[in-house]
PDB file of N, CA and C in Angstrom:
ATOM      1  N   MET A   1       6.155  -0.279   6.708  1.00  0.00           N
ATOM      2  CA  MET A   1       6.213   0.745   5.683  1.00  0.00           C
ATOM      3  C   MET A   1       7.502   0.639   4.871  1.00  0.00           C
ATOM      4  N   ASN A   2       8.578   0.226   5.528  1.00  0.00           N
ATOM      5  CA  ASN A   2       9.855   0.092   4.847  1.00  0.00           C
ATOM      6  C   ASN A   2       9.775  -0.938   3.721  1.00  0.00           C
ATOM      7  N   GLU A   3       9.056  -2.036   3.936  1.00  0.00           N
ATOM      8  CA  GLU A   3       8.918  -3.072   2.913  1.00  0.00           C
ATOM      9  C   GLU A   3       8.194  -2.515   1.695  1.00  0.00           C
ATOM     10  N   PHE A   4       7.162  -1.687   1.945  1.00  0.00           N
ATOM     11  CA  PHE A   4       6.431  -1.060   0.844  1.00  0.00           C
ATOM     12  C   PHE A   4       7.372  -0.173   0.030  1.00  0.00           C
ATOM     13  N   SER A   5       8.143   0.647   0.712  1.00  0.00           N
ATOM     14  CA  SER A   5       9.087   1.543   0.029  1.00  0.00           C
ATOM     15  C   SER A   5      10.114   0.753  -0.768  1.00  0.00           C
ATOM     16  N   ASN A   6      10.613  -0.322  -0.190  1.00  0.00           N
ATOM     17  CA  ASN A   6      11.596  -1.152  -0.891  1.00  0.00           C
ATOM     18  C   ASN A   6      11.003  -1.758  -2.157  1.00  0.00           C
ATOM     19  N   ARG A   7       9.764  -2.223  -2.061  1.00  0.00           N
ATOM     20  CA  ARG A   7       9.107  -2.834  -3.219  1.00  0.00           C
ATOM     21  C   ARG A   7       8.893  -1.796  -4.320  1.00  0.00           C
ATOM     22  N   ILE A   8       8.441  -0.620  -3.943  1.00  0.00           N
ATOM     23  CA  ILE A   8       8.232   0.448  -4.923  1.00  0.00           C
ATOM     24  C   ILE A   8       9.566   0.863  -5.546  1.00  0.00           C
ATOM     25  N   ASP A   9      10.598   0.958  -4.716  1.00  0.00           N
ATOM     26  CA  ASP A   9      11.932   1.294  -5.231  1.00  0.00           C
ATOM     27  C   ASP A   9      12.414   0.249  -6.231  1.00  0.00           C
ATOM     28  N   LEU A  10      12.160  -1.025  -5.939  1.00  0.00           N
ATOM     29  CA  LEU A  10      12.557  -2.094  -6.867  1.00  0.00           C
ATOM     30  C   LEU A  10      11.798  -1.977  -8.184  1.00  0.00           C
ATOM     31  N   GLN A  11      10.503  -1.681  -8.119  1.00  0.00           N
ATOM     32  CA  GLN A  11       9.717  -1.509  -9.344  1.00  0.00           C
ATOM     33  C   GLN A  11      10.278  -0.367 -10.185  1.00  0.00           C
ATOM     34  N   ARG A  12      10.565   0.739  -9.538  1.00  0.00           N
ATOM     35  CA  ARG A  12      11.128   1.891 -10.255  1.00  0.00           C
ATOM     36  C   ARG A  12      12.484   1.549 -10.863  1.00  0.00           C
ATOM     37  N   GLU A  13      13.283   0.820 -10.105  1.00  0.00           N
ATOM     38  CA  GLU A  13      14.605   0.443 -10.597  1.00  0.00           C
ATOM     39  C   GLU A  13      14.501  -0.443 -11.834  1.00  0.00           C
ATOM     40  N   VAL A  14      13.583  -1.405 -11.813  1.00  0.00           N
ATOM     41  CA  VAL A  14      13.395  -2.293 -12.964  1.00  0.00           C
ATOM     42  C   VAL A  14      12.998  -1.478 -14.193  1.00  0.00           C
ATOM     43  N   ILE A  15      12.048  -0.580 -14.036  1.00  0.00           N
ATOM     44  CA  ILE A  15      11.599   0.249 -15.161  1.00  0.00           C
ATOM     45  C   ILE A  15      12.752   1.108 -15.676  1.00  0.00           C
ATOM     46  N   LYS A  16      13.512   1.679 -14.776  1.00  0.00           N
ATOM     47  CA  LYS A  16      14.657   2.516 -15.159  1.00  0.00           C
ATOM     48  C   LYS A  16      15.702   1.694 -15.913  1.00  0.00           C
ATOM     49  N   ILE A  17      15.980   0.490 -15.437  1.00  0.00           N
ATOM     50  CA  ILE A  17      16.959  -0.386 -16.098  1.00  0.00           C
ATOM     51  C   ILE A  17      16.503  -0.717 -17.515  1.00  0.00           C
ATOM     52  N   VAL A  18      15.249  -1.135 -17.651  1.00  0.00           N
ATOM     53  CA  VAL A  18      14.729  -1.511 -18.972  1.00  0.00           C
ATOM     54  C   VAL A  18      14.768  -0.313 -19.917  1.00  0.00           C
ATOM     55  N   ASN A  19      14.337   0.834 -19.433  1.00  0.00           N
ATOM     56  CA  ASN A  19      14.290   2.015 -20.295  1.00  0.00           C
ATOM     57  C   ASN A  19      15.672   2.581 -20.606  1.00  0.00           C
ATOM     58  N   SER A  20      16.680   2.183 -19.855  1.00  0.00           N
ATOM     59  CA  SER A  20      18.045   2.637 -20.146  1.00  0.00           C
ATOM     60  C   SER A  20      18.588   2.002 -21.421  1.00  0.00           C
ATOM     61  N   ALA A  21      17.953   0.928 -21.878  1.00  0.00           N
ATOM     62  CA  ALA A  21      18.417   0.224 -23.073  1.00  0.00           C
ATOM     63  C   ALA A  21      18.016   0.936 -24.358  1.00  0.00           C
ATOM     64  N   LYS A  22      17.238   1.991 -24.246  1.00  0.00           N
ATOM     65  CA  LYS A  22      16.862   2.816 -25.401  1.00  0.00           C
ATOM     66  C   LYS A  22      16.095   2.038 -26.466  1.00  0.00           C
ATOM     67  N   PHE A  23      15.132   1.248 -26.008  1.00  0.00           N
ATOM     68  CA  PHE A  23      14.206   0.638 -26.954  1.00  0.00           C
ATOM     69  C   PHE A  23      13.373   1.763 -27.564  1.00  0.00           C
ATOM     70  N   GLU A  24      12.767   1.503 -28.702  1.00  0.00           N
ATOM     71  CA  GLU A  24      11.963   2.546 -29.350  1.00  0.00           C
ATOM     72  C   GLU A  24      10.859   3.052 -28.422  1.00  0.00           C
ATOM     73  N   TYR A  25      10.209   2.131 -27.721  1.00  0.00           N
ATOM     74  CA  TYR A  25       9.147   2.495 -26.781  1.00  0.00           C
ATOM     75  C   TYR A  25       9.568   2.094 -25.376  1.00  0.00           C
ATOM     76  N   GLU A  26       9.307   2.968 -24.418  1.00  0.00           N
ATOM     77  CA  GLU A  26       9.650   2.683 -23.033  1.00  0.00           C
ATOM     78  C   GLU A  26       8.588   1.799 -22.386  1.00  0.00           C
ATOM     79  N   ILE A  27       9.017   1.036 -21.402  1.00  0.00           N
ATOM     80  CA  ILE A  27       8.078   0.259 -20.601  1.00  0.00           C
ATOM     81  C   ILE A  27       7.475   1.214 -19.565  1.00  0.00           C
ATOM     82  N   THR A  28       6.187   1.081 -19.308  1.00  0.00           N
ATOM     83  CA  THR A  28       5.510   2.023 -18.412  1.00  0.00           C
ATOM     84  C   THR A  28       5.117   1.412 -17.077  1.00  0.00           C
ATOM     85  N   GLY A  29       5.208   0.104 -16.976  1.00  0.00           N
ATOM     86  CA  GLY A  29       4.831  -0.564 -15.737  1.00  0.00           C
ATOM     87  C   GLY A  29       5.244  -2.014 -15.786  1.00  0.00           C
ATOM     88  N   LEU A  30       4.956  -2.724 -14.704  1.00  0.00           N
ATOM     89  CA  LEU A  30       5.362  -4.128 -14.624  1.00  0.00           C
ATOM     90  C   LEU A  30       4.184  -5.087 -14.546  1.00  0.00           C
ATOM     91  N   SER A  31       3.005  -4.606 -14.872  1.00  0.00           N
ATOM     92  CA  SER A  31       1.866  -5.519 -14.942  1.00  0.00           C
ATOM     93  C   SER A  31       2.034  -6.397 -16.180  1.00  0.00           C
ATOM     94  N   LYS A  32       1.334  -7.506 -16.208  1.00  0.00           N
ATOM     95  CA  LYS A  32       1.388  -8.411 -17.360  1.00  0.00           C
ATOM     96  C   LYS A  32       1.025  -7.654 -18.637  1.00  0.00           C
ATOM     97  N   ASN A  33      -0.038  -6.852 -18.571  1.00  0.00           N
ATOM     98  CA  ASN A  33      -0.475  -6.104 -19.748  1.00  0.00           C
ATOM     99  C   ASN A  33       0.556  -5.074 -20.188  1.00  0.00           C
ATOM    100  N   ALA A  34       1.178  -4.394 -19.234  1.00  0.00           N
ATOM    101  CA  ALA A  34       2.184  -3.383 -19.578  1.00  0.00           C
ATOM    102  C   ALA A  34       3.393  -4.030 -20.249  1.00  0.00           C
ATOM    103  N   ILE A  35       3.812  -5.171 -19.731  1.00  0.00           N
ATOM    104  CA  ILE A  35       4.960  -5.872 -20.325  1.00  0.00           C
ATOM    105  C   ILE A  35       4.609  -6.375 -21.723  1.00  0.00           C
ATOM    106  N   GLU A  36       3.432  -6.980 -21.871  1.00  0.00           N
ATOM    107  CA  GLU A  36       3.019  -7.489 -23.183  1.00  0.00           C
ATOM    108  C   GLU A  36       2.911  -6.363 -24.202  1.00  0.00           C
ATOM    109  N   ARG A  37       2.382  -5.223 -23.790  1.00  0.00           N
ATOM    110  CA  ARG A  37       2.268  -4.063 -24.689  1.00  0.00           C
ATOM    111  C   ARG A  37       3.662  -3.593 -25.116  1.00  0.00           C
ATOM    112  N   TRP A  38       4.576  -3.507 -24.150  1.00  0.00           N
ATOM    113  CA  TRP A  38       5.942  -3.077 -24.429  1.00  0.00           C
ATOM    114  C   TRP A  38       6.617  -4.038 -25.409  1.00  0.00           C
ATOM    115  N   LEU A  39       6.431  -5.332 -25.198  1.00  0.00           N
ATOM    116  CA  LEU A  39       7.013  -6.332 -26.097  1.00  0.00           C
ATOM    117  C   LEU A  39       6.470  -6.173 -27.508  1.00  0.00           C
ATOM    118  N   MET A  40       5.153  -6.002 -27.614  1.00  0.00           N
ATOM    119  CA  MET A  40       4.512  -5.862 -28.914  1.00  0.00           C
ATOM    120  C   MET A  40       4.971  -4.572 -29.607  1.00  0.00           C
ATOM    121  N   ASP A  41       4.965  -3.467 -28.873  1.00  0.00           N
ATOM    122  CA  ASP A  41       5.361  -2.180 -29.453  1.00  0.00           C
ATOM    123  C   ASP A  41       6.793  -2.204 -29.971  1.00  0.00           C
ATOM    124  N   ASN A  42       7.666  -2.897 -29.265  1.00  0.00           N
ATOM    125  CA  ASN A  42       9.080  -2.964 -29.645  1.00  0.00           C
ATOM    126  C   ASN A  42       9.412  -4.179 -30.507  1.00  0.00           C
ATOM    127  N   ARG A  43       8.402  -4.977 -30.820  1.00  0.00           N
ATOM    128  CA  ARG A  43       8.572  -6.182 -31.642  1.00  0.00           C
ATOM    129  C   ARG A  43       9.667  -7.090 -31.084  1.00  0.00           C
ATOM    130  N   LEU A  44       9.560  -7.357 -29.785  1.00  0.00           N
ATOM    131  CA  LEU A  44      10.556  -8.190 -29.112  1.00  0.00           C
ATOM    132  C   LEU A  44      10.068  -9.626 -28.999  1.00  0.00           C
ATOM    133  N   ASP A  45      11.001 -10.530 -28.912  1.00  0.00           N
ATOM    134  CA  ASP A  45      10.726 -11.959 -28.781  1.00  0.00           C
ATOM    135  C   ASP A  45      10.090 -12.244 -27.422  1.00  0.00           C
ATOM    136  N   THR A  46       8.921 -12.824 -27.446  1.00  0.00           N
ATOM    137  CA  THR A  46       8.217 -13.122 -26.195  1.00  0.00           C
ATOM    138  C   THR A  46       8.839 -14.287 -25.442  1.00  0.00           C
ATOM    139  N   GLU A  47       9.784 -14.979 -26.061  1.00  0.00           N
ATOM    140  CA  GLU A  47      10.445 -16.112 -25.410  1.00  0.00           C
ATOM    141  C   GLU A  47      11.892 -15.807 -25.019  1.00  0.00           C
ATOM    142  N   SER A  48      12.302 -14.560 -25.151  1.00  0.00           N
ATOM    143  CA  SER A  48      13.691 -14.205 -24.838  1.00  0.00           C
ATOM    144  C   SER A  48      13.950 -14.264 -23.338  1.00  0.00           C
ATOM    145  N   ASP A  49      15.224 -14.331 -22.990  1.00  0.00           N
ATOM    146  CA  ASP A  49      15.604 -14.327 -21.573  1.00  0.00           C
ATOM    147  C   ASP A  49      15.141 -13.044 -20.891  1.00  0.00           C
ATOM    148  N   LEU A  50      15.245 -11.927 -21.594  1.00  0.00           N
ATOM    149  CA  LEU A  50      14.804 -10.646 -21.044  1.00  0.00           C
ATOM    150  C   LEU A  50      13.318 -10.680 -20.706  1.00  0.00           C
ATOM    151  N   THR A  51      12.527 -11.193 -21.625  1.00  0.00           N
ATOM    152  CA  THR A  51      11.080 -11.282 -21.411  1.00  0.00           C
ATOM    153  C   THR A  51      10.759 -12.172 -20.219  1.00  0.00           C
ATOM    154  N   LYS A  52      11.373 -13.328 -20.179  1.00  0.00           N
ATOM    155  CA  LYS A  52      11.120 -14.259 -19.071  1.00  0.00           C
ATOM    156  C   LYS A  52      11.500 -13.636 -17.736  1.00  0.00           C
ATOM    157  N   LEU A  53      12.624 -12.951 -17.710  1.00  0.00           N
ATOM    158  CA  LEU A  53      13.089 -12.302 -16.491  1.00  0.00           C
ATOM    159  C   LEU A  53      12.113 -11.219 -16.033  1.00  0.00           C
ATOM    160  N   LEU A  54      11.620 -10.430 -16.972  1.00  0.00           N
ATOM    161  CA  LEU A  54      10.648  -9.390 -16.618  1.00  0.00           C
ATOM    162  C   LEU A  54       9.378  -9.983 -16.014  1.00  0.00           C
ATOM    163  N   PHE A  55       8.882 -11.055 -16.612  1.00  0.00           N
ATOM    164  CA  PHE A  55       7.668 -11.678 -16.088  1.00  0.00           C
ATOM    165  C   PHE A  55       7.899 -12.310 -14.713  1.00  0.00           C
ATOM    166  N   ILE A  56       9.065 -12.885 -14.499  1.00  0.00           N
ATOM    167  CA  ILE A  56       9.377 -13.461 -13.183  1.00  0.00           C
ATOM    168  C   ILE A  56       9.447 -12.361 -12.131  1.00  0.00           C
ATOM    169  N   ILE A  57      10.158 -11.290 -12.447  1.00  0.00           N
ATOM    170  CA  ILE A  57      10.255 -10.170 -11.504  1.00  0.00           C
ATOM    171  C   ILE A  57       8.872  -9.607 -11.220  1.00  0.00           C
ATOM    172  N   SER A  58       8.095  -9.425 -12.261  1.00  0.00           N
ATOM    173  CA  SER A  58       6.745  -8.886 -12.110  1.00  0.00           C
ATOM    174  C   SER A  58       5.891  -9.751 -11.188  1.00  0.00           C
ATOM    175  N   SER A  59       5.929 -11.059 -11.401  1.00  0.00           N
ATOM    176  CA  SER A  59       5.092 -11.949 -10.584  1.00  0.00           C
ATOM    177  C   SER A  59       5.546 -11.969  -9.129  1.00  0.00           C
ATOM    178  N   LYS A  60       6.845 -11.920  -8.906  1.00  0.00           N
ATOM    179  CA  LYS A  60       7.345 -11.913  -7.528  1.00  0.00           C
ATOM    180  C   LYS A  60       7.020 -10.593  -6.827  1.00  0.00           C
ATOM    181  N   LEU A  61       7.120  -9.483  -7.543  1.00  0.00           N
ATOM    182  CA  LEU A  61       6.746  -8.199  -6.950  1.00  0.00           C
ATOM    183  C   LEU A  61       5.252  -8.155  -6.645  1.00  0.00           C
ATOM    184  N   PHE A  62       4.441  -8.755  -7.521  1.00  0.00           N
ATOM    185  CA  PHE A  62       2.999  -8.826  -7.278  1.00  0.00           C
ATOM    186  C   PHE A  62       2.723  -9.656  -6.027  1.00  0.00           C
ATOM    187  N   PHE A  63       3.430 -10.764  -5.889  1.00  0.00           N
ATOM    188  CA  PHE A  63       3.286 -11.604  -4.697  1.00  0.00           C
ATOM    189  C   PHE A  63       3.645 -10.809  -3.447  1.00  0.00           C
ATOM    190  N   LEU A  64       4.760 -10.090  -3.495  1.00  0.00           N
ATOM    191  CA  LEU A  64       5.184  -9.286  -2.342  1.00  0.00           C
ATOM    192  C   LEU A  64       4.162  -8.199  -2.027  1.00  0.00           C
ATOM    193  N   ALA A  65       3.576  -7.622  -3.059  1.00  0.00           N
ATOM    194  CA  ALA A  65       2.561  -6.583  -2.839  1.00  0.00           C
ATOM    195  C   ALA A  65       1.358  -7.152  -2.101  1.00  0.00           C
ATOM    196  N   ASN A  66       0.968  -8.358  -2.456  1.00  0.00           N
ATOM    197  CA  ASN A  66      -0.184  -8.983  -1.802  1.00  0.00           C
ATOM    198  C   ASN A  66       0.126  -9.410  -0.378  1.00  0.00           C
ATOM    199  N   LYS A  67       1.385  -9.663  -0.099  1.00  0.00           N
ATOM    200  CA  LYS A  67       1.785 -10.085   1.242  1.00  0.00           C
ATOM    201  C   LYS A  67       2.178  -8.913   2.132  1.00  0.00           C
ATOM    202  N   SER A  68       2.256  -7.714   1.564  1.00  0.00           N
ATOM    203  CA  SER A  68       2.782  -6.576   2.321  1.00  0.00           C
ATOM    204  C   SER A  68       1.883  -6.165   3.485  1.00  0.00           C
ATOM    205  N   GLN A  69       0.632  -6.587   3.474  1.00  0.00           N
ATOM    206  CA  GLN A  69      -0.273  -6.246   4.568  1.00  0.00           C
ATOM    207  C   GLN A  69      -0.158  -7.232   5.732  1.00  0.00           C
ATOM    208  N   GLU A  70       0.533  -8.317   5.493  1.00  0.00           N
ATOM    209  CA  GLU A  70       0.680  -9.340   6.520  1.00  0.00           C
ATOM    210  C   GLU A  70       1.976  -9.129   7.299  1.00  0.00           C
ATOM    211  N   GLN A  71       2.115  -9.881   8.354  1.00  0.00           N
ATOM    212  CA  GLN A  71       3.354  -9.818   9.122  1.00  0.00           C
ATOM    213  C   GLN A  71       4.518 -10.258   8.232  1.00  0.00           C
ATOM    214  N   ILE A  72       5.625  -9.547   8.345  1.00  0.00           N
ATOM    215  CA  ILE A  72       6.796  -9.869   7.528  1.00  0.00           C
ATOM    216  C   ILE A  72       7.406 -11.174   8.034  1.00  0.00           C
ATOM    217  N   THR A  73       7.456 -12.148   7.151  1.00  0.00           N
ATOM    218  CA  THR A  73       7.978 -13.466   7.505  1.00  0.00           C
ATOM    219  C   THR A  73       9.344 -13.668   6.864  1.00  0.00           C
ATOM    220  N   SER A  74       9.987 -14.748   7.236  1.00  0.00           N
ATOM    221  CA  SER A  74      11.270 -15.075   6.613  1.00  0.00           C
ATOM    222  C   SER A  74      11.073 -15.360   5.125  1.00  0.00           C
ATOM    223  N   GLY A  75       9.907 -15.916   4.765  1.00  0.00           N
ATOM    224  CA  GLY A  75       9.612 -16.173   3.355  1.00  0.00           C
ATOM    225  C   GLY A  75       9.515 -14.888   2.551  1.00  0.00           C
ATOM    226  N   TYR A  76       8.911 -13.872   3.148  1.00  0.00           N
ATOM    227  CA  TYR A  76       8.800 -12.567   2.499  1.00  0.00           C
ATOM    228  C   TYR A  76      10.190 -11.976   2.288  1.00  0.00           C
ATOM    229  N   LYS A  77      11.011 -12.059   3.329  1.00  0.00           N
ATOM    230  CA  LYS A  77      12.370 -11.517   3.237  1.00  0.00           C
ATOM    231  C   LYS A  77      13.189 -12.271   2.190  1.00  0.00           C
ATOM    232  N   LYS A  78      13.010 -13.591   2.138  1.00  0.00           N
ATOM    233  CA  LYS A  78      13.723 -14.399   1.153  1.00  0.00           C
ATOM    234  C   LYS A  78      13.293 -14.008  -0.260  1.00  0.00           C
ATOM    235  N   MET A  79      11.984 -13.833  -0.455  1.00  0.00           N
ATOM    236  CA  MET A  79      11.469 -13.446  -1.769  1.00  0.00           C
ATOM    237  C   MET A  79      11.999 -12.066  -2.160  1.00  0.00           C
ATOM    238  N   SER A  80      12.070 -11.151  -1.211  1.00  0.00           N
ATOM    239  CA  SER A  80      12.615  -9.813  -1.487  1.00  0.00           C
ATOM    240  C   SER A  80      14.063  -9.908  -1.947  1.00  0.00           C
ATOM    241  N   SER A  81      14.814 -10.768  -1.301  1.00  0.00           N
ATOM    242  CA  SER A  81      16.210 -10.973  -1.676  1.00  0.00           C
ATOM    243  C   SER A  81      16.314 -11.578  -3.076  1.00  0.00           C
ATOM    244  N   GLU A  82      15.436 -12.531  -3.388  1.00  0.00           N
ATOM    245  CA  GLU A  82      15.415 -13.141  -4.719  1.00  0.00           C
ATOM    246  C   GLU A  82      15.142 -12.091  -5.787  1.00  0.00           C
ATOM    247  N   VAL A  83      14.189 -11.204  -5.504  1.00  0.00           N
ATOM    248  CA  VAL A  83      13.856 -10.161  -6.472  1.00  0.00           C
ATOM    249  C   VAL A  83      15.056  -9.251  -6.694  1.00  0.00           C
ATOM    250  N   SER A  84      15.739  -8.903  -5.631  1.00  0.00           N
ATOM    251  CA  SER A  84      16.937  -8.061  -5.769  1.00  0.00           C
ATOM    252  C   SER A  84      17.977  -8.734  -6.660  1.00  0.00           C
ATOM    253  N   ASN A  85      18.163 -10.035  -6.487  1.00  0.00           N
ATOM    254  CA  ASN A  85      19.103 -10.781  -7.334  1.00  0.00           C
ATOM    255  C   ASN A  85      18.635 -10.813  -8.786  1.00  0.00           C
ATOM    256  N   LEU A  86      17.334 -10.984  -8.984  1.00  0.00           N
ATOM    257  CA  LEU A  86      16.785 -10.996 -10.340  1.00  0.00           C
ATOM    258  C   LEU A  86      16.961  -9.640 -11.017  1.00  0.00           C
ATOM    259  N   VAL A  87      16.843  -8.576 -10.246  1.00  0.00           N
ATOM    260  CA  VAL A  87      17.044  -7.231 -10.798  1.00  0.00           C
ATOM    261  C   VAL A  87      18.488  -7.077 -11.279  1.00  0.00           C
ATOM    262  N   GLU A  88      19.429  -7.630 -10.543  1.00  0.00           N
ATOM    263  CA  GLU A  88      20.826  -7.603 -10.993  1.00  0.00           C
ATOM    264  C   GLU A  88      20.999  -8.411 -12.277  1.00  0.00           C
ATOM    265  N   ASN A  89      20.319  -9.553 -12.370  1.00  0.00           N
ATOM    266  CA  ASN A  89      20.354 -10.350 -13.600  1.00  0.00           C
ATOM    267  C   ASN A  89      19.767  -9.558 -14.767  1.00  0.00           C
ATOM    268  N   LEU A  90      18.692  -8.824 -14.485  1.00  0.00           N
ATOM    269  CA  LEU A  90      18.068  -7.992 -15.510  1.00  0.00           C
ATOM    270  C   LEU A  90      19.050  -6.927 -15.993  1.00  0.00           C
ATOM    271  N   ARG A  91      19.739  -6.310 -15.061  1.00  0.00           N
ATOM    272  CA  ARG A  91      20.731  -5.286 -15.413  1.00  0.00           C
ATOM    273  C   ARG A  91      21.779  -5.888 -16.372  1.00  0.00           C
ATOM    274  N   ASP A  92      22.262  -7.080 -16.061  1.00  0.00           N
ATOM    275  CA  ASP A  92      23.240  -7.756 -16.922  1.00  0.00           C
ATOM    276  C   ASP A  92      22.644  -8.062 -18.296  1.00  0.00           C
ATOM    277  N   GLU A  93      21.405  -8.525 -18.306  1.00  0.00           N
ATOM    278  CA  GLU A  93      20.726  -8.868 -19.559  1.00  0.00           C
ATOM    279  C   GLU A  93      20.556  -7.626 -20.435  1.00  0.00           C
ATOM    280  N   ILE A  94      20.207  -6.518 -19.833  1.00  0.00           N
ATOM    281  CA  ILE A  94      20.022  -5.268 -20.578  1.00  0.00           C
ATOM    282  C   ILE A  94      21.348  -4.791 -21.167  1.00  0.00           C
ATOM    283  N   LEU A  95      22.419  -4.967 -20.421  1.00  0.00           N
ATOM    284  CA  LEU A  95      23.730  -4.556 -20.927  1.00  0.00           C
ATOM    285  C   LEU A  95      24.124  -5.338 -22.178  1.00  0.00           C
ATOM    286  N   GLU A  96      23.573  -6.534 -22.326  1.00  0.00           N
ATOM    287  CA  GLU A  96      23.873  -7.372 -23.490  1.00  0.00           C
ATOM    288  C   GLU A  96      23.037  -6.990 -24.704  1.00  0.00           C
ATOM    289  N   GLN A  97      22.049  -6.149 -24.537  1.00  0.00           N
ATOM    290  CA  GLN A  97      21.152  -5.755 -25.638  1.00  0.00           C
ATOM    291  C   GLN A  97      21.859  -4.869 -26.639  1.00  0.00           C
TER     292      GLN A  97
END
């Protein structure tokens, strides 16, 4: 259950970080469609570092969500750590906006 809570907390943190940048429209989720809608609404570059980072974080969180029903492995823990590092990179990227 702790892994589920951590993953949800990371998702919330990512959304909070992105929305702290005061774009015209807030991001509402981390699905591919939600990110694409946010990019389109804000007329952002789909090839920017911020965009790439969001999609990487999103895909890794999706992977963790699919693995959350299985036994927690070292690979799962490593991926969780990678996501945490990517979230810090996202925070830095947002500060540059």
